[in-house]
């Protein structure tokens, strides 16, 4: 029946103009004048199987201009950044009742001129990005929550993905014996992973409510390995990590205050040593090609105490 089918459409037009002139922080001349006209349509449908479950699908087009940093933080030897274009397809299923809520979402994201991180940063610590002709992200997302009883509940979600560049050109700076830049060498890589894009992210939470207003939770998160540049080289990666947190929260009210929440969050309760970000450099010298990796280690066990008032 038509009453069980819901359709939607969204049409957006955007005009963006960039005029960047003057000098950057290194006293280099800036002179960029760009105008973008974007049409971003989106269409979708939801079919209600019954009062508790539905199927949905959508298609959308998104265009985005480069940001300011892409212009002023442009690596020597690279072309002026271009805008990105994305064709996105999604489909999924969701079911929800009093105790159980779950969904599955399958997606495909197909880019033209996506701006991706190269893995390098400039001397101020700002990351470089460059356009790649064709790239894609595809995968499945799952989430579920279940109220076991009046005292226990579980929540979980998972993201499994494949993130690829069809053909990546890696640019490495070449220096002479006096450390002066003389060239930028280009190397092609076929179908590598996109940098900083783990293929697997898992999360789970067990919640215990022994008393009214009191909740205790244990949270676990797993992130698979990810590469710091787009060459899919195991010598330039962030290792997979698994981190556990614990939380305690209590809600109550006092005269004149609708709700008072006192919370304690213990992050990385098992004191895991891991890094979740970093950057990598490669340089060519007359005597050798040198690659250096830099990592941002994360805090060990740490605490956050919070107080929230609602009037």
C-alpha atoms as a PDB file:
ATOM      1  CA  UNK A   1       0.000   0.000   0.000  1.00  0.00           C
ATOM      2  CA  UNK A   2       1.119   3.525  -0.739  1.00  0.00           C
ATOM      3  CA  UNK A   3       0.659   4.457   2.953  1.00  0.00           C
ATOM      4  CA  UNK A   4       3.572   2.168   3.808  1.00  0.00           C
ATOM      5  CA  UNK A   5       5.960   3.950   1.436  1.00  0.00           C
ATOM      6  CA  UNK A   6       7.588   7.287   2.241  1.00  0.00           C
ATOM      7  CA  UNK A   7       9.544   9.226  -0.400  1.00  0.00           C
ATOM      8  CA  UNK A   8      11.706  12.308  -0.029  1.00  0.00           C
ATOM      9  CA  UNK A   9      13.798  14.594  -2.211  1.00  0.00           C
ATOM     10  CA  UNK A  10      16.151  17.423  -1.370  1.00  0.00           C
ATOM     11  CA  UNK A  11      17.682  19.793  -3.934  1.00  0.00           C
ATOM     12  CA  UNK A  12      20.458  22.161  -2.931  1.00  0.00           C
ATOM     13  CA  UNK A  13      22.406  24.774  -4.848  1.00  0.00           C
ATOM     14  CA  UNK A  14      25.581  26.298  -3.357  1.00  0.00           C
ATOM     15  CA  UNK A  15      27.795  29.095  -4.591  1.00  0.00           C
ATOM     16  CA  UNK A  16      31.187  29.580  -2.962  1.00  0.00           C
ATOM     17  CA  UNK A  17      33.799  32.220  -3.797  1.00  0.00           C
ATOM     18  CA  UNK A  18      37.372  32.280  -2.508  1.00  0.00           C
ATOM     19  CA  UNK A  19      39.631  35.319  -2.709  1.00  0.00           C
ATOM     20  CA  UNK A  20      42.879  34.795  -0.830  1.00  0.00           C
ATOM     21  CA  UNK A  21      45.625  37.391  -1.196  1.00  0.00           C
ATOM     22  CA  UNK A  22      48.552  38.621   0.869  1.00  0.00           C
ATOM     23  CA  UNK A  23      51.377  36.769   2.581  1.00  0.00           C
ATOM     24  CA  UNK A  24      51.323  33.530   4.540  1.00  0.00           C
ATOM     25  CA  UNK A  25      53.154  32.968   7.837  1.00  0.00           C
ATOM     26  CA  UNK A  26      56.371  32.234   5.910  1.00  0.00           C
ATOM     27  CA  UNK A  27      56.039  35.503   3.930  1.00  0.00           C
ATOM     28  CA  UNK A  28      55.132  33.639   0.732  1.00  0.00           C
ATOM     29  CA  UNK A  29      52.720  35.384  -1.646  1.00  0.00           C
ATOM     30  CA  UNK A  30      49.117  34.117  -1.690  1.00  0.00           C
ATOM     31  CA  UNK A  31      46.944  34.820  -4.727  1.00  0.00           C
ATOM     32  CA  UNK A  32      43.919  32.526  -5.158  1.00  0.00           C
ATOM     33  CA  UNK A  33      40.610  33.488  -6.781  1.00  0.00           C
ATOM     34  CA  UNK A  34      38.127  30.629  -7.170  1.00  0.00           C
ATOM     35  CA  UNK A  35      34.361  30.398  -7.652  1.00  0.00           C
ATOM     36  CA  UNK A  36      32.377  27.180  -7.280  1.00  0.00           C
ATOM     37  CA  UNK A  37      28.792  26.382  -8.267  1.00  0.00           C
ATOM     38  CA  UNK A  38      27.424  23.171  -6.794  1.00  0.00           C
ATOM     39  CA  UNK A  39      24.168  21.259  -7.257  1.00  0.00           C
ATOM     40  CA  UNK A  40      23.619  18.666  -4.529  1.00  0.00           C
ATOM     41  CA  UNK A  41      20.494  16.507  -4.984  1.00  0.00           C
ATOM     42  CA  UNK A  42      19.339  13.731  -2.649  1.00  0.00           C
ATOM     43  CA  UNK A  43      16.568  11.172  -3.142  1.00  0.00           C
ATOM     44  CA  UNK A  44      15.362   8.383  -0.905  1.00  0.00           C
ATOM     45  CA  UNK A  45      12.593   6.046   0.121  1.00  0.00           C
ATOM     46  CA  UNK A  46      11.512   4.216   3.266  1.00  0.00           C
ATOM     47  CA  UNK A  47       9.177   1.214   3.225  1.00  0.00           C
ATOM     48  CA  UNK A  48       7.510   0.327   6.522  1.00  0.00           C
ATOM     49  CA  UNK A  49       7.192  -3.456   6.818  1.00  0.00           C
ATOM     50  CA  UNK A  50       5.185  -3.095  10.037  1.00  0.00           C
ATOM     51  CA  UNK A  51       5.051  -0.833  13.089  1.00  0.00           C
ATOM     52  CA  UNK A  52       8.477  -2.047  14.255  1.00  0.00           C
ATOM     53  CA  UNK A  53      10.630  -2.375  11.149  1.00  0.00           C
ATOM     54  CA  UNK A  54      11.433  -0.660   7.867  1.00  0.00           C
ATOM     55  CA  UNK A  55      13.646  -0.790   4.813  1.00  0.00           C
ATOM     56  CA  UNK A  56      15.257   2.315   3.321  1.00  0.00           C
ATOM     57  CA  UNK A  57      17.485   3.400   0.446  1.00  0.00           C
ATOM     58  CA  UNK A  58      18.893   6.704  -0.768  1.00  0.00           C
ATOM     59  CA  UNK A  59      21.119   8.259  -3.406  1.00  0.00           C
ATOM     60  CA  UNK A  60      22.816  11.624  -3.067  1.00  0.00           C
ATOM     61  CA  UNK A  61      25.394  13.812  -4.756  1.00  0.00           C
ATOM     62  CA  UNK A  62      27.631  16.078  -2.702  1.00  0.00           C
ATOM     63  CA  UNK A  63      30.190  18.614  -3.862  1.00  0.00           C
ATOM     64  CA  UNK A  64      32.603  20.403  -1.567  1.00  0.00           C
ATOM     65  CA  UNK A  65      35.127  23.142  -2.119  1.00  0.00           C
ATOM     66  CA  UNK A  66      38.696  22.839  -0.796  1.00  0.00           C
ATOM     67  CA  UNK A  67      39.123  24.477   2.577  1.00  0.00           C
ATOM     68  CA  UNK A  68      41.365  27.451   3.245  1.00  0.00           C
ATOM     69  CA  UNK A  69      44.229  25.268   4.504  1.00  0.00           C
ATOM     70  CA  UNK A  70      44.276  23.348   1.216  1.00  0.00           C
ATOM     71  CA  UNK A  71      45.264  26.573  -0.533  1.00  0.00           C
ATOM     72  CA  UNK A  72      47.641  28.152   1.952  1.00  0.00           C
ATOM     73  CA  UNK A  73      49.201  24.823   3.000  1.00  0.00           C
ATOM     74  CA  UNK A  74      49.957  23.530  -0.489  1.00  0.00           C
ATOM     75  CA  UNK A  75      52.989  21.278  -0.850  1.00  0.00           C
ATOM     76  CA  UNK A  76      55.559  22.504  -3.361  1.00  0.00           C
ATOM     77  CA  UNK A  77      55.142  20.809  -6.732  1.00  0.00           C
ATOM     78  CA  UNK A  78      51.415  20.045  -6.416  1.00  0.00           C
ATOM     79  CA  UNK A  79      48.634  21.597  -8.480  1.00  0.00           C
ATOM     80  CA  UNK A  80      46.079  24.021  -7.028  1.00  0.00           C
ATOM     81  CA  UNK A  81      43.427  21.938  -5.205  1.00  0.00           C
ATOM     82  CA  UNK A  82      40.153  21.121  -6.956  1.00  0.00           C
ATOM     83  CA  UNK A  83      36.700  20.643  -5.458  1.00  0.00           C
ATOM     84  CA  UNK A  84      35.487  17.167  -4.473  1.00  0.00           C
ATOM     85  CA  UNK A  85      32.467  15.325  -5.875  1.00  0.00           C
ATOM     86  CA  UNK A  86      30.779  12.392  -4.145  1.00  0.00           C
ATOM     87  CA  UNK A  87      28.085   9.963  -5.318  1.00  0.00           C
ATOM     88  CA  UNK A  88      26.688   8.195  -2.259  1.00  0.00           C
ATOM     89  CA  UNK A  89      24.403   5.134  -2.202  1.00  0.00           C
ATOM     90  CA  UNK A  90      22.914   3.737   1.018  1.00  0.00           C
ATOM     91  CA  UNK A  91      20.438   1.031   1.907  1.00  0.00           C
ATOM     92  CA  UNK A  92      19.453  -0.530   5.178  1.00  0.00           C
ATOM     93  CA  UNK A  93      17.047  -2.200   7.527  1.00  0.00           C
ATOM     94  CA  UNK A  94      15.948  -1.180  11.039  1.00  0.00           C
ATOM     95  CA  UNK A  95      13.844  -2.863  13.694  1.00  0.00           C
ATOM     96  CA  UNK A  96      12.777  -1.338  17.003  1.00  0.00           C
ATOM     97  CA  UNK A  97      10.527  -2.430  19.850  1.00  0.00           C
ATOM     98  CA  UNK A  98      10.354  -1.850  23.586  1.00  0.00           C
ATOM     99  CA  UNK A  99      13.475  -3.900  24.414  1.00  0.00           C
ATOM    100  CA  UNK A 100      15.435  -4.232  21.173  1.00  0.00           C
ATOM    101  CA  UNK A 101      16.717  -1.734  18.634  1.00  0.00           C
ATOM    102  CA  UNK A 102      18.965  -2.768  15.752  1.00  0.00           C
ATOM    103  CA  UNK A 103      19.930  -1.721  12.264  1.00  0.00           C
ATOM    104  CA  UNK A 104      22.177  -2.523   9.357  1.00  0.00           C
ATOM    105  CA  UNK A 105      23.333   0.033   6.802  1.00  0.00           C
ATOM    106  CA  UNK A 106      25.222  -0.759   3.586  1.00  0.00           C
ATOM    107  CA  UNK A 107      26.884   2.111   1.746  1.00  0.00           C
ATOM    108  CA  UNK A 108      29.055   2.968  -1.214  1.00  0.00           C
ATOM    109  CA  UNK A 109      30.805   6.326  -1.533  1.00  0.00           C
ATOM    110  CA  UNK A 110      32.378   7.057  -4.922  1.00  0.00           C
ATOM    111  CA  UNK A 111      34.585  10.138  -5.186  1.00  0.00           C
ATOM    112  CA  UNK A 112      35.979  12.278  -7.950  1.00  0.00           C
ATOM    113  CA  UNK A 113      38.964  14.434  -6.874  1.00  0.00           C
ATOM    114  CA  UNK A 114      38.681  13.512  -3.206  1.00  0.00           C
ATOM    115  CA  UNK A 115      41.042  15.507  -0.995  1.00  0.00           C
ATOM    116  CA  UNK A 116      42.935  13.004   1.156  1.00  0.00           C
ATOM    117  CA  UNK A 117      45.663  13.350   3.769  1.00  0.00           C
ATOM    118  CA  UNK A 118      49.100  12.504   2.400  1.00  0.00           C
ATOM    119  CA  UNK A 119      50.488  11.616   5.830  1.00  0.00           C
ATOM    120  CA  UNK A 120      52.872  14.572   5.895  1.00  0.00           C
ATOM    121  CA  UNK A 121      52.652  17.851   7.827  1.00  0.00           C
ATOM    122  CA  UNK A 122      54.296  21.205   7.208  1.00  0.00           C
ATOM    123  CA  UNK A 123      56.758  22.874   9.574  1.00  0.00           C
ATOM    124  CA  UNK A 124      53.831  24.240  11.581  1.00  0.00           C
ATOM    125  CA  UNK A 125      52.266  20.819  12.075  1.00  0.00           C
ATOM    126  CA  UNK A 126      49.428  21.338   9.567  1.00  0.00           C
ATOM    127  CA  UNK A 127      48.606  18.224   7.511  1.00  0.00           C
ATOM    128  CA  UNK A 128      48.922  18.233   3.735  1.00  0.00           C
ATOM    129  CA  UNK A 129      46.018  17.116   1.532  1.00  0.00           C
ATOM    130  CA  UNK A 130      45.968  16.437  -2.194  1.00  0.00           C
ATOM    131  CA  UNK A 131      43.366  15.488  -4.793  1.00  0.00           C
ATOM    132  CA  UNK A 132      43.149  11.921  -6.064  1.00  0.00           C
ATOM    133  CA  UNK A 133      41.325  11.264  -9.320  1.00  0.00           C
ATOM    134  CA  UNK A 134      39.103   8.359  -8.224  1.00  0.00           C
ATOM    135  CA  UNK A 135      38.591   6.813  -4.801  1.00  0.00           C
ATOM    136  CA  UNK A 136      35.883   5.024  -2.873  1.00  0.00           C
ATOM    137  CA  UNK A 137      34.677   3.982   0.551  1.00  0.00           C
ATOM    138  CA  UNK A 138      32.287   1.084   0.959  1.00  0.00           C
ATOM    139  CA  UNK A 139      31.114  -1.095   3.772  1.00  0.00           C
ATOM    140  CA  UNK A 140      28.510  -2.058   6.286  1.00  0.00           C
ATOM    141  CA  UNK A 141      27.512  -0.463   9.597  1.00  0.00           C
ATOM    142  CA  UNK A 142      25.674  -2.391  12.303  1.00  0.00           C
ATOM    143  CA  UNK A 143      24.245  -1.209  15.606  1.00  0.00           C
ATOM    144  CA  UNK A 144      22.123  -2.848  18.275  1.00  0.00           C
ATOM    145  CA  UNK A 145      20.901  -2.246  21.804  1.00  0.00           C
ATOM    146  CA  UNK A 146      19.041  -4.687  24.039  1.00  0.00           C
ATOM    147  CA  UNK A 147      17.441  -4.152  27.445  1.00  0.00           C
ATOM    148  CA  UNK A 148      18.121  -7.463  29.186  1.00  0.00           C
ATOM    149  CA  UNK A 149      16.242  -6.563  32.342  1.00  0.00           C
ATOM    150  CA  UNK A 150      15.412  -3.566  34.499  1.00  0.00           C
ATOM    151  CA  UNK A 151      19.052  -3.549  35.645  1.00  0.00           C
ATOM    152  CA  UNK A 152      21.091  -4.623  32.604  1.00  0.00           C
ATOM    153  CA  UNK A 153      21.397  -3.412  29.015  1.00  0.00           C
ATOM    154  CA  UNK A 154      23.926  -3.880  26.228  1.00  0.00           C
ATOM    155  CA  UNK A 155      24.843  -1.622  23.308  1.00  0.00           C
ATOM    156  CA  UNK A 156      27.094  -2.439  20.382  1.00  0.00           C
ATOM    157  CA  UNK A 157      28.050  -1.152  16.961  1.00  0.00           C
ATOM    158  CA  UNK A 158      30.465  -2.130  14.215  1.00  0.00           C
ATOM    159  CA  UNK A 159      31.810  -0.496  11.071  1.00  0.00           C
ATOM    160  CA  UNK A 160      33.432  -2.715   8.460  1.00  0.00           C
ATOM    161  CA  UNK A 161      34.754  -0.913   5.412  1.00  0.00           C
ATOM    162  CA  UNK A 162      37.020  -0.942   2.376  1.00  0.00           C
ATOM    163  CA  UNK A 163      38.636   2.418   1.580  1.00  0.00           C
ATOM    164  CA  UNK A 164      40.599   2.590  -1.668  1.00  0.00           C
ATOM    165  CA  UNK A 165      42.296   4.956  -4.113  1.00  0.00           C
ATOM    166  CA  UNK A 166      42.199   3.673  -7.683  1.00  0.00           C
ATOM    167  CA  UNK A 167      45.580   5.141  -8.552  1.00  0.00           C
ATOM    168  CA  UNK A 168      47.645   7.174  -6.107  1.00  0.00           C
ATOM    169  CA  UNK A 169      50.608   9.363  -7.048  1.00  0.00           C
ATOM    170  CA  UNK A 170      53.003   9.831  -4.143  1.00  0.00           C
ATOM    171  CA  UNK A 171      55.232  12.899  -4.313  1.00  0.00           C
ATOM    172  CA  UNK A 172      58.570  12.761  -2.471  1.00  0.00           C
ATOM    173  CA  UNK A 173      60.868  15.775  -2.191  1.00  0.00           C
ATOM    174  CA  UNK A 174      64.430  15.364  -3.464  1.00  0.00           C
ATOM    175  CA  UNK A 175      67.283  17.425  -2.005  1.00  0.00           C
ATOM    176  CA  UNK A 176      70.903  17.986  -2.974  1.00  0.00           C
ATOM    177  CA  UNK A 177      73.890  17.621  -0.665  1.00  0.00           C
ATOM    178  CA  UNK A 178      73.257  21.126   0.707  1.00  0.00           C
ATOM    179  CA  UNK A 179      69.657  20.174   1.616  1.00  0.00           C
ATOM    180  CA  UNK A 180      68.190  22.441  -1.060  1.00  0.00           C
ATOM    181  CA  UNK A 181      65.036  21.211  -2.809  1.00  0.00           C
ATOM    182  CA  UNK A 182      65.848  20.254  -6.409  1.00  0.00           C
ATOM    183  CA  UNK A 183      62.939  18.045  -7.497  1.00  0.00           C
ATOM    184  CA  UNK A 184      59.718  16.272  -6.515  1.00  0.00           C
ATOM    185  CA  UNK A 185      59.687  12.609  -7.550  1.00  0.00           C
ATOM    186  CA  UNK A 186      56.347  10.940  -8.343  1.00  0.00           C
ATOM    187  CA  UNK A 187      55.602   7.238  -7.755  1.00  0.00           C
ATOM    188  CA  UNK A 188      52.359   5.472  -8.741  1.00  0.00           C
ATOM    189  CA  UNK A 189      50.548   3.066  -6.402  1.00  0.00           C
ATOM    190  CA  UNK A 190      47.629   0.955  -7.651  1.00  0.00           C
ATOM    191  CA  UNK A 191      44.581   0.541  -5.394  1.00  0.00           C
ATOM    192  CA  UNK A 192      46.126   1.348  -1.983  1.00  0.00           C
ATOM    193  CA  UNK A 193      44.159   1.978   1.213  1.00  0.00           C
ATOM    194  CA  UNK A 194      43.229   5.571   2.027  1.00  0.00           C
ATOM    195  CA  UNK A 195      45.346   6.928   4.866  1.00  0.00           C
ATOM    196  CA  UNK A 196      43.927   6.986   8.406  1.00  0.00           C
ATOM    197  CA  UNK A 197      41.039   4.718   7.399  1.00  0.00           C
ATOM    198  CA  UNK A 198      40.799   1.570   9.551  1.00  0.00           C
ATOM    199  CA  UNK A 199      38.867  -1.281   7.963  1.00  0.00           C
ATOM    200  CA  UNK A 200      37.288  -2.361  11.266  1.00  0.00           C
ATOM    201  CA  UNK A 201      35.921  -0.362  14.202  1.00  0.00           C
ATOM    202  CA  UNK A 202      34.024  -2.228  16.958  1.00  0.00           C
ATOM    203  CA  UNK A 203      32.346  -0.886  20.091  1.00  0.00           C
ATOM    204  CA  UNK A 204      30.509  -2.591  22.935  1.00  0.00           C
ATOM    205  CA  UNK A 205      28.981  -1.398  26.192  1.00  0.00           C
ATOM    206  CA  UNK A 206      27.442  -3.174  29.177  1.00  0.00           C
ATOM    207  CA  UNK A 207      25.256  -0.986  31.409  1.00  0.00           C
ATOM    208  CA  UNK A 208      24.223  -1.892  34.963  1.00  0.00           C
ATOM    209  CA  UNK A 209      21.575   0.094  36.871  1.00  0.00           C
ATOM    210  CA  UNK A 210      21.473  -1.206  40.462  1.00  0.00           C
ATOM    211  CA  UNK A 211      19.407   1.727  41.756  1.00  0.00           C
ATOM    212  CA  UNK A 212      17.083   4.323  40.303  1.00  0.00           C
ATOM    213  CA  UNK A 213      19.213   7.098  38.818  1.00  0.00           C
ATOM    214  CA  UNK A 214      22.499   5.194  39.170  1.00  0.00           C
ATOM    215  CA  UNK A 215      24.225   3.665  36.112  1.00  0.00           C
ATOM    216  CA  UNK A 216      27.569   1.888  35.818  1.00  0.00           C
ATOM    217  CA  UNK A 217      28.984   1.022  32.389  1.00  0.00           C
ATOM    218  CA  UNK A 218      31.956  -0.785  30.869  1.00  0.00           C
ATOM    219  CA  UNK A 219      32.913   0.249  27.327  1.00  0.00           C
ATOM    220  CA  UNK A 220      35.285  -1.472  24.890  1.00  0.00           C
ATOM    221  CA  UNK A 221      36.505  -0.135  21.548  1.00  0.00           C
ATOM    222  CA  UNK A 222      38.642  -1.853  18.930  1.00  0.00           C
ATOM    223  CA  UNK A 223      40.246  -0.078  15.957  1.00  0.00           C
ATOM    224  CA  UNK A 224      42.145  -2.077  13.338  1.00  0.00           C
ATOM    225  CA  UNK A 225      45.473  -1.016  11.867  1.00  0.00           C
ATOM    226  CA  UNK A 226      45.575   2.040   9.624  1.00  0.00           C
ATOM    227  CA  UNK A 227      48.221   3.527   7.376  1.00  0.00           C
ATOM    228  CA  UNK A 228      49.693   6.990   7.894  1.00  0.00           C
ATOM    229  CA  UNK A 229      50.124   7.599   4.160  1.00  0.00           C
ATOM    230  CA  UNK A 230      48.592   6.234   0.971  1.00  0.00           C
ATOM    231  CA  UNK A 231      51.280   3.732  -0.012  1.00  0.00           C
ATOM    232  CA  UNK A 232      49.841   0.892   2.153  1.00  0.00           C
ATOM    233  CA  UNK A 233      53.278   0.246   3.611  1.00  0.00           C
ATOM    234  CA  UNK A 234      53.377  -1.727   6.874  1.00  0.00           C
ATOM    235  CA  UNK A 235      56.421   0.312   7.916  1.00  0.00           C
ATOM    236  CA  UNK A 236      54.226   3.453   7.998  1.00  0.00           C
ATOM    237  CA  UNK A 237      51.188   2.312   9.942  1.00  0.00           C
ATOM    238  CA  UNK A 238      49.382   2.736  13.227  1.00  0.00           C
ATOM    239  CA  UNK A 239      48.939  -0.593  14.987  1.00  0.00           C
ATOM    240  CA  UNK A 240      45.499  -1.878  15.906  1.00  0.00           C
ATOM    241  CA  UNK A 241      44.401  -1.098  19.458  1.00  0.00           C
ATOM    242  CA  UNK A 242      41.733  -2.129  21.940  1.00  0.00           C
ATOM    243  CA  UNK A 243      40.807   0.313  24.718  1.00  0.00           C
ATOM    244  CA  UNK A 244      38.441  -0.081  27.667  1.00  0.00           C
ATOM    245  CA  UNK A 245      36.668   2.653  29.635  1.00  0.00           C
ATOM    246  CA  UNK A 246      34.429   2.624  32.700  1.00  0.00           C
ATOM    247  CA  UNK A 247      31.811   5.163  33.725  1.00  0.00           C
ATOM    248  CA  UNK A 248      29.650   5.894  36.729  1.00  0.00           C
ATOM    249  CA  UNK A 249      26.704   8.286  36.642  1.00  0.00           C
ATOM    250  CA  UNK A 250      24.062   9.326  39.141  1.00  0.00           C
ATOM    251  CA  UNK A 251      20.972  11.458  38.426  1.00  0.00           C
ATOM    252  CA  UNK A 252      18.880  13.104  41.099  1.00  0.00           C
ATOM    253  CA  UNK A 253      16.954  16.320  41.698  1.00  0.00           C
ATOM    254  CA  UNK A 254      16.786  19.011  44.354  1.00  0.00           C
ATOM    255  CA  UNK A 255      14.336  21.792  44.981  1.00  0.00           C
ATOM    256  CA  UNK A 256      14.645  24.323  42.168  1.00  0.00           C
ATOM    257  CA  UNK A 257      16.857  22.071  40.031  1.00  0.00           C
ATOM    258  CA  UNK A 258      15.144  19.647  37.650  1.00  0.00           C
ATOM    259  CA  UNK A 259      18.101  17.293  37.327  1.00  0.00           C
ATOM    260  CA  UNK A 260      21.609  16.961  38.735  1.00  0.00           C
ATOM    261  CA  UNK A 261      24.012  14.525  37.099  1.00  0.00           C
ATOM    262  CA  UNK A 262      27.301  13.562  38.723  1.00  0.00           C
ATOM    263  CA  UNK A 263      29.549  11.499  36.480  1.00  0.00           C
ATOM    264  CA  UNK A 264      32.913   9.807  36.676  1.00  0.00           C
ATOM    265  CA  UNK A 265      34.608   8.535  33.514  1.00  0.00           C
ATOM    266  CA  UNK A 266      37.748   6.405  33.730  1.00  0.00           C
ATOM    267  CA  UNK A 267      39.382   6.317  30.300  1.00  0.00           C
ATOM    268  CA  UNK A 268      41.801   3.563  29.301  1.00  0.00           C
ATOM    269  CA  UNK A 269      41.173   1.778  32.576  1.00  0.00           C
ATOM    270  CA  UNK A 270      43.569  -1.075  31.668  1.00  0.00           C
ATOM    271  CA  UNK A 271      46.369   1.437  30.950  1.00  0.00           C
ATOM    272  CA  UNK A 272      46.848   0.365  27.331  1.00  0.00           C
ATOM    273  CA  UNK A 273      49.845   1.894  25.545  1.00  0.00           C
ATOM    274  CA  UNK A 274      48.770   2.909  22.045  1.00  0.00           C
ATOM    275  CA  UNK A 275      48.813   5.686  19.465  1.00  0.00           C
ATOM    276  CA  UNK A 276      45.817   6.800  17.413  1.00  0.00           C
ATOM    277  CA  UNK A 277      47.465   9.384  15.157  1.00  0.00           C
ATOM    278  CA  UNK A 278      50.775  10.378  13.659  1.00  0.00           C
ATOM    279  CA  UNK A 279      52.534  11.457  10.477  1.00  0.00           C
ATOM    280  CA  UNK A 280      55.308  10.265   8.200  1.00  0.00           C
ATOM    281  CA  UNK A 281      57.987  11.871   6.045  1.00  0.00           C
ATOM    282  CA  UNK A 282      60.048  10.552   3.177  1.00  0.00           C
ATOM    283  CA  UNK A 283      62.910  12.507   1.598  1.00  0.00           C
ATOM    284  CA  UNK A 284      65.424  11.679  -1.108  1.00  0.00           C
ATOM    285  CA  UNK A 285      69.083  12.629  -0.621  1.00  0.00           C
ATOM    286  CA  UNK A 286      72.115  11.857  -2.804  1.00  0.00           C
ATOM    287  CA  UNK A 287      73.171   9.166  -0.335  1.00  0.00           C
ATOM    288  CA  UNK A 288      69.806   7.558   0.579  1.00  0.00           C
ATOM    289  CA  UNK A 289      66.020   7.737   0.729  1.00  0.00           C
ATOM    290  CA  UNK A 290      64.974   8.383   4.328  1.00  0.00           C
ATOM    291  CA  UNK A 291      61.537   7.735   5.856  1.00  0.00           C
ATOM    292  CA  UNK A 292      60.689   8.970   9.340  1.00  0.00           C
ATOM    293  CA  UNK A 293      57.562   8.101  11.342  1.00  0.00           C
ATOM    294  CA  UNK A 294      56.174  10.209  14.171  1.00  0.00           C
ATOM    295  CA  UNK A 295      53.482   9.007  16.580  1.00  0.00           C
ATOM    296  CA  UNK A 296      51.135  10.679  19.059  1.00  0.00           C
ATOM    297  CA  UNK A 297      50.966   8.389  22.114  1.00  0.00           C
ATOM    298  CA  UNK A 298      47.655   8.499  23.964  1.00  0.00           C
ATOM    299  CA  UNK A 299      47.190   8.938  27.698  1.00  0.00           C
ATOM    300  CA  UNK A 300      47.251   5.989  30.032  1.00  0.00           C
ATOM    301  CA  UNK A 301      44.527   5.636  32.651  1.00  0.00           C
ATOM    302  CA  UNK A 302      42.911   9.049  33.156  1.00  0.00           C
ATOM    303  CA  UNK A 303      39.841  10.379  34.940  1.00  0.00           C
ATOM    304  CA  UNK A 304      37.091  12.886  34.178  1.00  0.00           C
ATOM    305  CA  UNK A 305      34.672  14.062  36.865  1.00  0.00           C
ATOM    306  CA  UNK A 306      31.627  16.015  35.686  1.00  0.00           C
ATOM    307  CA  UNK A 307      28.660  17.851  37.165  1.00  0.00           C
ATOM    308  CA  UNK A 308      25.652  18.824  35.010  1.00  0.00           C
ATOM    309  CA  UNK A 309      22.705  20.857  36.203  1.00  0.00           C
ATOM    310  CA  UNK A 310      19.345  21.235  34.453  1.00  0.00           C
ATOM    311  CA  UNK A 311      16.983  23.973  35.597  1.00  0.00           C
END
